[in-house]
Amino acid sequence: MIKTRYRRFSGINVTNLVDVTLVLLVIFMLTSPVMQRSADVTPPSSDVGRIVNRLDPATTLVVEIDAYGNMSVSGQAVLVEDLEELAEAAFASGRTEAYVRADREVRYKVVADALSELGRSGYLSVGLIQEEGTEPDEVQ
């Protein structure tokens, strides 16, 4: 009988699996700030004031209010009662600017409630996002 020096190894080579996983992790980390979820909101248009073209998600908190009064932050639905706690956490994590992007059909009371909750959580000045007056279809 011939004795072999090699034994069969029936294990999975995880090196390739780890390489692919790390590459996918890097790709998702690079593309996640670019992908911005937002509610279907049509802000009012104006030809005066500063138009905000880009908002950095690491330094800004954007509260979106749709025409029915539903609030969302980063695509996640938020109740008015929970907005103060969420804004305090965002302010503590380094988000120093806050903006409200409200639909032009929303009731003023809902916007006022959002502004007061943001004020209670530490944001002294809150910006309102609007569209440029010359091109109403382009949301800024």
Protein backbone atom coordinates (compact mmCIF):
# COMPACT_ATOMS: atom_id res chain seq x y z
CA MET A 1 0.00 0.00 0.00
CA ILE A 2 1.32 3.44 -0.97
CA LYS A 3 1.28 6.08 1.76
CA THR A 4 0.67 9.66 0.59
CA ARG A 5 2.21 12.70 2.18
CA TYR A 6 -0.79 14.91 1.53
CA ARG A 7 -4.13 14.83 3.26
CA ARG A 8 -7.37 16.06 1.86
CA PHE A 9 -8.46 19.42 3.18
CA SER A 10 -12.13 20.13 2.80
CA GLY A 11 -12.25 23.67 4.21
CA ILE A 12 -13.55 26.83 2.58
CA ASN A 13 -11.00 29.38 1.48
CA VAL A 14 -12.33 32.51 3.19
CA THR A 15 -9.60 34.83 1.90
CA ASN A 16 -11.49 35.55 -1.32
CA LEU A 17 -14.73 36.03 0.59
CA VAL A 18 -13.12 38.55 2.93
CA ASP A 19 -11.57 40.43 0.00
CA VAL A 20 -14.89 40.76 -1.79
CA THR A 21 -16.63 41.80 1.43
CA LEU A 22 -14.09 44.52 2.14
CA VAL A 23 -14.32 45.88 -1.39
CA LEU A 24 -18.12 46.04 -1.14
CA LEU A 25 -17.85 47.72 2.26
CA VAL A 26 -15.57 50.41 0.84
CA ILE A 27 -17.89 50.96 -2.13
CA PHE A 28 -20.93 51.36 0.13
CA MET A 29 -19.06 53.70 2.47
CA LEU A 30 -18.09 55.93 -0.45
CA THR A 31 -21.51 56.00 -2.08
CA SER A 32 -23.75 56.33 0.99
CA PRO A 33 -23.20 60.10 1.48
CA VAL A 34 -23.99 60.64 -2.20
CA MET A 35 -27.31 58.83 -2.03
CA GLN A 36 -29.74 61.18 -0.38
CA ARG A 37 -33.21 60.03 0.43
CA SER A 38 -35.82 62.75 0.48
CA ALA A 39 -39.54 63.18 0.70
CA ASP A 40 -41.67 64.41 -2.19
CA VAL A 41 -41.62 68.10 -1.29
CA THR A 42 -42.14 71.16 -3.49
CA PRO A 43 -40.83 74.15 -1.54
CA PRO A 44 -42.04 77.67 -2.29
CA SER A 45 -40.07 79.67 -4.83
CA SER A 46 -38.50 83.07 -4.36
CA ASP A 47 -35.99 85.26 -6.18
CA VAL A 48 -34.47 86.76 -3.04
CA GLY A 49 -32.39 85.22 -0.28
CA ARG A 50 -29.59 82.73 -0.31
CA ILE A 51 -30.30 79.59 -2.31
CA VAL A 52 -28.66 76.51 -0.81
CA ASN A 53 -27.33 74.31 -3.60
CA ARG A 54 -25.59 71.55 -1.61
CA LEU A 55 -25.98 70.43 1.96
CA ASP A 56 -23.36 68.34 3.71
CA PRO A 57 -25.16 65.56 5.63
CA ALA A 58 -22.32 65.45 8.16
CA THR A 59 -22.81 69.05 9.29
CA THR A 60 -26.47 69.80 8.52
CA LEU A 61 -29.78 68.48 9.76
CA VAL A 62 -32.58 68.74 7.19
CA VAL A 63 -36.19 68.28 8.32
CA GLU A 64 -38.56 67.72 5.41
CA ILE A 65 -42.30 68.30 5.69
CA ASP A 66 -44.59 67.09 2.91
CA ALA A 67 -47.95 68.58 1.91
CA TYR A 68 -49.82 66.41 4.43
CA GLY A 69 -47.68 67.54 7.38
CA ASN A 70 -45.61 64.35 7.64
CA MET A 71 -42.05 65.02 8.83
CA SER A 72 -38.96 63.10 7.85
CA VAL A 73 -35.24 63.34 8.53
CA SER A 74 -32.90 61.58 6.07
CA GLY A 75 -35.84 59.71 4.57
CA GLN A 76 -37.02 58.32 7.92
CA ALA A 77 -40.45 59.36 9.16
CA VAL A 78 -40.36 61.32 12.44
CA LEU A 79 -43.14 62.41 14.75
CA VAL A 80 -43.21 65.98 16.06
CA GLU A 81 -42.82 64.65 19.59
CA ASP A 82 -39.62 62.79 18.67
CA LEU A 83 -38.09 65.65 16.67
CA GLU A 84 -36.60 67.43 19.71
CA GLU A 85 -34.79 64.30 20.93
CA LEU A 86 -33.50 63.50 17.45
CA ALA A 87 -32.33 67.09 16.90
CA GLU A 88 -30.53 67.14 20.26
CA ALA A 89 -28.67 63.98 19.29
CA ALA A 90 -27.78 65.46 15.90
CA PHE A 91 -26.58 68.69 17.52
CA ALA A 92 -24.45 66.75 19.99
CA SER A 93 -22.90 64.72 17.17
CA GLY A 94 -21.65 67.83 15.37
CA ARG A 95 -24.47 68.87 13.06
CA THR A 96 -24.34 72.60 13.65
CA GLU A 97 -26.79 73.77 10.97
CA ALA A 98 -30.49 72.96 10.68
CA TYR A 99 -32.80 73.52 7.73
CA VAL A 100 -36.51 72.97 7.19
CA ARG A 101 -37.64 72.00 3.71
CA ALA A 102 -41.43 72.28 3.68
CA ASP A 103 -43.92 71.82 0.89
CA ARG A 104 -45.63 74.99 -0.31
CA GLU A 105 -49.05 73.49 0.55
CA VAL A 106 -48.29 72.56 4.18
CA ARG A 107 -50.04 74.36 7.04
CA TYR A 108 -47.95 76.99 8.79
CA LYS A 109 -48.60 75.44 12.21
CA VAL A 110 -46.68 72.30 11.25
CA VAL A 111 -43.68 74.37 10.12
CA ALA A 112 -43.88 76.49 13.28
CA ASP A 113 -43.94 73.34 15.43
CA ALA A 114 -40.85 72.00 13.67
CA LEU A 115 -39.04 75.33 14.12
CA SER A 116 -39.87 75.47 17.82
CA GLU A 117 -38.74 71.87 18.40
CA LEU A 118 -35.43 72.60 16.63
CA GLY A 119 -35.04 75.75 18.74
CA ARG A 120 -35.57 73.79 21.96
CA SER A 121 -32.90 71.29 20.96
CA GLY A 122 -30.13 73.88 20.62
CA TYR A 123 -30.32 75.25 17.09
CA LEU A 124 -30.41 79.02 17.48
CA SER A 125 -31.00 79.79 13.81
CA VAL A 126 -32.81 77.49 11.42
CA GLY A 127 -32.80 78.02 7.66
CA LEU A 128 -35.75 77.52 5.35
CA ILE A 129 -35.02 75.87 2.02
CA GLN A 130 -36.74 77.37 -1.01
CA GLU A 131 -36.60 77.06 -4.78
CA GLU A 132 -35.05 79.57 -7.09
CA GLY A 133 -37.71 81.88 -8.52
CA THR A 134 -36.65 81.64 -12.17
CA GLU A 135 -36.78 77.82 -12.44
CA PRO A 136 -39.63 76.41 -10.31
CA ASP A 137 -39.01 72.82 -11.44
CA GLU A 138 -35.48 72.66 -10.02
CA VAL A 139 -35.46 71.87 -6.31
CA GLN A 140 -32.46 73.28 -4.43
